[in-house]
Amino acid sequence: MNRFECIEYLQEVCSEKFIKEDLLNSLVAWMDEDDFQKFYQKLCGDWEIAPSWDELNKQMEEDPDEEIIENLDEDTKEIYEDVVRAL
């Protein structure tokens, strides 16, 4: 199987918790720092994700975009709202 088929297989046979938490943590642990940083920067760039809390806050101050906030997962949205309240 190629890498896409392998991921599709894991998505079919593994629990949602495993896919959401354990798979990502396992991939990150397997990569060295340089590989991860290259992947992270590409991922953030391709999906228009602010690469850090500082960058997210800067973007939100410059041009608040409700769509960005709406697309955050619930935990991240709560953290973001706490940060905004603290400012």
N, C-alpha and C. Protein backbone atom coordinates (compact mmCIF):
# COMPACT_ATOMS: atom_id res chain seq x y z
N MET A 1 0.84 -1.19 0.00
CA MET A 1 0.00 0.00 0.00
C MET A 1 0.89 1.25 0.00
N ASN A 2 0.41 2.31 -0.68
CA ASN A 2 1.13 3.57 -0.61
C ASN A 2 0.69 4.34 0.64
N ARG A 3 1.31 5.48 0.90
CA ARG A 3 1.03 6.21 2.15
C ARG A 3 -0.42 6.65 2.26
N PHE A 4 -1.05 7.00 1.14
CA PHE A 4 -2.44 7.43 1.18
C PHE A 4 -3.36 6.26 1.50
N GLU A 5 -3.07 5.12 0.93
CA GLU A 5 -3.85 3.91 1.23
C GLU A 5 -3.66 3.50 2.68
N CYS A 6 -2.45 3.64 3.19
CA CYS A 6 -2.19 3.29 4.59
C CYS A 6 -2.99 4.18 5.53
N ILE A 7 -3.00 5.49 5.27
CA ILE A 7 -3.77 6.41 6.11
C ILE A 7 -5.26 6.10 6.01
N GLU A 8 -5.73 5.84 4.81
CA GLU A 8 -7.14 5.50 4.63
C GLU A 8 -7.49 4.23 5.42
N TYR A 9 -6.60 3.25 5.38
CA TYR A 9 -6.80 2.03 6.16
C TYR A 9 -6.89 2.34 7.66
N LEU A 10 -5.95 3.15 8.16
CA LEU A 10 -5.96 3.51 9.59
C LEU A 10 -7.24 4.25 9.96
N GLN A 11 -7.69 5.14 9.08
CA GLN A 11 -8.93 5.87 9.35
C GLN A 11 -10.13 4.94 9.43
N GLU A 12 -10.09 3.87 8.69
CA GLU A 12 -11.20 2.90 8.70
C GLU A 12 -11.18 2.00 9.92
N VAL A 13 -10.01 1.60 10.38
CA VAL A 13 -9.96 0.57 11.42
C VAL A 13 -9.65 1.08 12.83
N CYS A 14 -9.21 2.34 12.95
CA CYS A 14 -8.81 2.86 14.26
C CYS A 14 -9.89 3.77 14.85
N SER A 15 -9.83 3.94 16.14
CA SER A 15 -10.81 4.79 16.83
C SER A 15 -10.59 6.25 16.46
N GLU A 16 -11.63 7.05 16.67
CA GLU A 16 -11.53 8.49 16.40
C GLU A 16 -10.47 9.14 17.29
N LYS A 17 -10.38 8.70 18.55
CA LYS A 17 -9.36 9.22 19.47
C LYS A 17 -7.97 8.94 18.92
N PHE A 18 -7.75 7.73 18.45
CA PHE A 18 -6.45 7.39 17.90
C PHE A 18 -6.11 8.29 16.71
N ILE A 19 -7.05 8.46 15.81
CA ILE A 19 -6.82 9.28 14.62
C ILE A 19 -6.57 10.73 15.01
N LYS A 20 -7.34 11.25 15.94
CA LYS A 20 -7.24 12.66 16.32
C LYS A 20 -6.00 12.97 17.16
N GLU A 21 -5.62 12.07 18.04
CA GLU A 21 -4.54 12.35 18.99
C GLU A 21 -3.30 11.49 18.77
N ASP A 22 -3.45 10.21 18.81
CA ASP A 22 -2.30 9.31 18.83
C ASP A 22 -1.56 9.26 17.49
N LEU A 23 -2.29 9.26 16.41
CA LEU A 23 -1.64 9.20 15.10
C LEU A 23 -0.75 10.42 14.88
N LEU A 24 -1.29 11.59 15.13
CA LEU A 24 -0.51 12.81 14.95
C LEU A 24 0.70 12.84 15.88
N ASN A 25 0.50 12.49 17.13
CA ASN A 25 1.62 12.47 18.09
C ASN A 25 2.69 11.46 17.67
N SER A 26 2.27 10.32 17.15
CA SER A 26 3.23 9.32 16.69
C SER A 26 4.03 9.82 15.49
N LEU A 27 3.36 10.47 14.56
CA LEU A 27 4.06 11.02 13.40
C LEU A 27 5.07 12.09 13.81
N VAL A 28 4.66 12.97 14.72
CA VAL A 28 5.55 14.04 15.18
C VAL A 28 6.75 13.46 15.92
N ALA A 29 6.52 12.46 16.75
CA ALA A 29 7.61 11.84 17.50
C ALA A 29 8.60 11.15 16.56
N TRP A 30 8.12 10.64 15.46
CA TRP A 30 8.98 9.92 14.52
C TRP A 30 9.87 10.88 13.73
N MET A 31 9.37 12.10 13.44
CA MET A 31 10.14 13.07 12.65
C MET A 31 11.23 13.72 13.49
N ASP A 32 12.32 14.12 12.82
CA ASP A 32 13.28 14.95 13.54
C ASP A 32 12.79 16.40 13.47
N GLU A 33 13.43 17.29 14.22
CA GLU A 33 12.95 18.67 14.34
C GLU A 33 12.92 19.38 12.99
N ASP A 34 13.95 19.18 12.18
CA ASP A 34 14.01 19.84 10.88
C ASP A 34 12.87 19.38 9.96
N ASP A 35 12.65 18.06 9.90
CA ASP A 35 11.55 17.55 9.07
C ASP A 35 10.21 18.09 9.55
N PHE A 36 10.02 18.10 10.87
CA PHE A 36 8.75 18.58 11.40
C PHE A 36 8.55 20.06 11.07
N GLN A 37 9.58 20.89 11.25
CA GLN A 37 9.43 22.32 10.98
C GLN A 37 9.10 22.58 9.51
N LYS A 38 9.73 21.84 8.61
CA LYS A 38 9.42 21.97 7.18
C LYS A 38 7.96 21.59 6.92
N PHE A 39 7.54 20.47 7.49
CA PHE A 39 6.16 20.01 7.34
C PHE A 39 5.19 21.04 7.93
N TYR A 40 5.48 21.52 9.13
CA TYR A 40 4.60 22.45 9.84
C TYR A 40 4.44 23.76 9.06
N GLN A 41 5.54 24.30 8.57
CA GLN A 41 5.47 25.54 7.81
C GLN A 41 4.68 25.35 6.51
N LYS A 42 4.88 24.23 5.83
CA LYS A 42 4.13 23.95 4.61
C LYS A 42 2.66 23.76 4.91
N LEU A 43 2.34 23.00 5.95
CA LEU A 43 0.95 22.76 6.33
C LEU A 43 0.26 24.09 6.65
N CYS A 44 0.89 24.91 7.48
CA CYS A 44 0.29 26.20 7.85
C CYS A 44 0.12 27.08 6.62
N GLY A 45 1.10 27.10 5.75
CA GLY A 45 1.01 27.92 4.54
C GLY A 45 -0.07 27.43 3.59
N ASP A 46 -0.12 26.13 3.37
CA ASP A 46 -1.10 25.57 2.43
C ASP A 46 -2.54 25.77 2.91
N TRP A 47 -2.74 25.69 4.22
CA TRP A 47 -4.09 25.77 4.78
C TRP A 47 -4.38 27.12 5.41
N GLU A 48 -3.50 28.09 5.20
CA GLU A 48 -3.67 29.45 5.71
C GLU A 48 -3.93 29.45 7.22
N ILE A 49 -3.08 28.70 7.94
CA ILE A 49 -3.15 28.62 9.39
C ILE A 49 -2.02 29.49 9.94
N ALA A 50 -2.35 30.36 10.89
CA ALA A 50 -1.30 31.14 11.55
C ALA A 50 -0.37 30.16 12.25
N PRO A 51 0.95 30.26 12.04
CA PRO A 51 1.87 29.27 12.59
C PRO A 51 2.14 29.39 14.09
N SER A 52 1.62 30.43 14.74
CA SER A 52 1.84 30.58 16.18
C SER A 52 0.71 31.42 16.77
N TRP A 53 0.61 31.38 18.10
CA TRP A 53 -0.38 32.23 18.78
C TRP A 53 -0.09 33.70 18.50
N ASP A 54 1.17 34.08 18.50
CA ASP A 54 1.53 35.48 18.23
C ASP A 54 1.04 35.91 16.85
N GLU A 55 1.29 35.07 15.86
CA GLU A 55 0.84 35.38 14.50
C GLU A 55 -0.68 35.42 14.40
N LEU A 56 -1.36 34.50 15.08
CA LEU A 56 -2.82 34.49 15.07
C LEU A 56 -3.35 35.78 15.70
N ASN A 57 -2.79 36.16 16.84
CA ASN A 57 -3.23 37.39 17.50
C ASN A 57 -2.97 38.61 16.63
N LYS A 58 -1.81 38.64 15.97
CA LYS A 58 -1.47 39.75 15.09
C LYS A 58 -2.47 39.84 13.93
N GLN A 59 -2.79 38.70 13.34
CA GLN A 59 -3.76 38.68 12.24
C GLN A 59 -5.13 39.14 12.72
N MET A 60 -5.52 38.70 13.89
CA MET A 60 -6.84 39.05 14.40
C MET A 60 -6.92 40.54 14.74
N GLU A 61 -5.82 41.13 15.22
CA GLU A 61 -5.80 42.56 15.51
C GLU A 61 -5.85 43.37 14.22
N GLU A 62 -5.16 42.91 13.19
CA GLU A 62 -5.12 43.62 11.93
C GLU A 62 -6.42 43.49 11.16
N ASP A 63 -6.94 42.28 11.12
CA ASP A 63 -8.13 42.03 10.31
C ASP A 63 -8.90 40.86 10.92
N PRO A 64 -9.70 41.13 11.94
CA PRO A 64 -10.45 40.03 12.56
C PRO A 64 -11.32 39.33 11.51
N ASP A 65 -11.24 38.05 11.47
CA ASP A 65 -11.98 37.26 10.50
C ASP A 65 -12.79 36.22 11.25
N GLU A 66 -14.07 36.40 11.28
CA GLU A 66 -14.94 35.48 12.01
C GLU A 66 -14.82 34.05 11.48
N GLU A 67 -14.52 33.90 10.19
CA GLU A 67 -14.39 32.57 9.61
C GLU A 67 -13.23 31.81 10.25
N ILE A 68 -12.13 32.51 10.54
CA ILE A 68 -10.99 31.86 11.20
C ILE A 68 -11.43 31.34 12.56
N ILE A 69 -12.12 32.18 13.31
CA ILE A 69 -12.56 31.79 14.65
C ILE A 69 -13.54 30.63 14.57
N GLU A 70 -14.45 30.69 13.63
CA GLU A 70 -15.45 29.63 13.50
C GLU A 70 -14.83 28.29 13.13
N ASN A 71 -13.69 28.30 12.44
CA ASN A 71 -13.05 27.06 12.01
C ASN A 71 -12.13 26.44 13.06
N LEU A 72 -11.92 27.15 14.17
CA LEU A 72 -11.10 26.60 15.24
C LEU A 72 -11.85 25.48 15.94
N ASP A 73 -11.13 24.46 16.41
CA ASP A 73 -11.81 23.44 17.21
C ASP A 73 -12.20 24.07 18.55
N GLU A 74 -13.09 23.44 19.27
CA GLU A 74 -13.66 24.03 20.49
C GLU A 74 -12.60 24.38 21.53
N ASP A 75 -11.63 23.51 21.75
CA ASP A 75 -10.58 23.78 22.74
C ASP A 75 -9.76 25.01 22.34
N THR A 76 -9.38 25.08 21.08
CA THR A 76 -8.58 26.20 20.60
C THR A 76 -9.40 27.48 20.65
N LYS A 77 -10.69 27.39 20.31
CA LYS A 77 -11.56 28.56 20.35
C LYS A 77 -11.64 29.11 21.78
N GLU A 78 -11.77 28.23 22.76
CA GLU A 78 -11.81 28.66 24.16
C GLU A 78 -10.52 29.35 24.56
N ILE A 79 -9.39 28.76 24.17
CA ILE A 79 -8.09 29.36 24.49
C ILE A 79 -7.98 30.73 23.83
N TYR A 80 -8.36 30.81 22.57
CA TYR A 80 -8.30 32.08 21.85
C TYR A 80 -9.15 33.14 22.55
N GLU A 81 -10.37 32.78 22.94
CA GLU A 81 -11.25 33.73 23.62
C GLU A 81 -10.66 34.17 24.96
N ASP A 82 -10.01 33.26 25.66
CA ASP A 82 -9.34 33.63 26.92
C ASP A 82 -8.22 34.63 26.67
N VAL A 83 -7.45 34.40 25.61
CA VAL A 83 -6.35 35.30 25.26
C VAL A 83 -6.89 36.69 24.90
N VAL A 84 -7.94 36.73 24.09
CA VAL A 84 -8.52 38.00 23.69
C VAL A 84 -9.04 38.76 24.90
N ARG A 85 -9.69 38.05 25.83
CA ARG A 85 -10.20 38.70 27.04
C ARG A 85 -9.05 39.26 27.89
N ALA A 86 -7.93 38.59 27.87
CA ALA A 86 -6.79 39.01 28.68
C ALA A 86 -6.10 40.24 28.10
N LEU A 87 -6.29 40.49 26.81
CA LEU A 87 -5.63 41.64 26.17
C LEU A 87 -6.25 42.91 26.57
